[in-house]
Amino acid sequence: MKYREKIPELEHMTIYSFRHSFTIQLLRAGMPKVELQYLLGLEQGELFQRYEAYL
């Protein structure tokens, strides 16, 4: 049984939602975009069209 099934509060959580929250928090904390792209394994420019609306 997965943790999401055991704990009702985690039911909506996915790997994607964790990655999204992690990325937004690092951007808000001032992490350089180039370093964050490298950390996430993304091509140049691929990341920020998706996340800039949340900043």
Protein backbone atom coordinates (compact mmCIF):
# COMPACT_ATOMS: atom_id res chain seq x y z
CA MET A 1 0.00 0.00 0.00
CA LYS A 2 1.28 3.44 -0.90
CA TYR A 3 1.64 6.25 1.65
CA ARG A 4 -0.93 8.29 -0.27
CA GLU A 5 -3.47 5.55 0.40
CA LYS A 6 -2.55 5.22 4.09
CA ILE A 7 -2.67 8.94 4.93
CA PRO A 8 -5.75 10.78 3.61
CA GLU A 9 -4.02 14.18 3.76
CA LEU A 10 -1.46 13.00 1.20
CA GLU A 11 -4.03 11.70 -1.27
CA HIS A 12 -3.62 14.67 -3.64
CA MET A 13 0.20 14.63 -3.55
CA THR A 14 2.17 13.38 -6.53
CA ILE A 15 5.82 13.44 -7.51
CA TYR A 16 4.92 16.26 -9.92
CA SER A 17 3.30 18.37 -7.18
CA PHE A 18 6.33 17.87 -4.94
CA ARG A 19 8.70 18.86 -7.77
CA HIS A 20 6.57 21.91 -8.56
CA SER A 21 6.51 23.09 -4.92
CA PHE A 22 10.25 22.45 -4.56
CA THR A 23 10.99 24.49 -7.68
CA ILE A 24 8.78 27.42 -6.71
CA GLN A 25 10.26 27.60 -3.20
CA LEU A 26 13.83 27.62 -4.54
CA LEU A 27 13.00 30.33 -7.08
CA ARG A 28 11.34 32.48 -4.40
CA ALA A 29 14.38 31.97 -2.16
CA GLY A 30 16.57 33.44 -4.89
CA MET A 31 18.29 30.38 -6.30
CA PRO A 32 19.90 31.27 -9.65
CA LYS A 33 17.82 29.95 -12.55
CA VAL A 34 20.79 28.34 -14.27
CA GLU A 35 21.65 26.31 -11.17
CA LEU A 36 18.03 25.26 -10.66
CA GLN A 37 17.75 24.13 -14.27
CA TYR A 38 20.88 22.02 -13.81
CA LEU A 39 19.55 20.56 -10.53
CA LEU A 40 16.26 19.57 -12.19
CA GLY A 41 17.95 18.26 -15.35
CA LEU A 42 16.15 20.64 -17.70
CA GLU A 43 17.22 22.13 -20.99
CA GLN A 44 17.91 25.86 -21.08
CA GLY A 45 14.69 27.91 -21.04
CA GLU A 46 12.45 24.87 -20.59
CA LEU A 47 11.60 25.62 -16.97
CA PHE A 48 10.59 29.20 -16.63
CA GLN A 49 7.64 29.45 -18.96
CA ARG A 50 5.84 27.10 -16.57
CA TYR A 51 6.88 28.61 -13.26
CA GLU A 52 7.20 32.37 -13.69
CA ALA A 53 3.46 32.88 -13.16
CA TYR A 54 3.87 31.60 -9.57
CA LEU A 55 6.56 34.11 -8.62
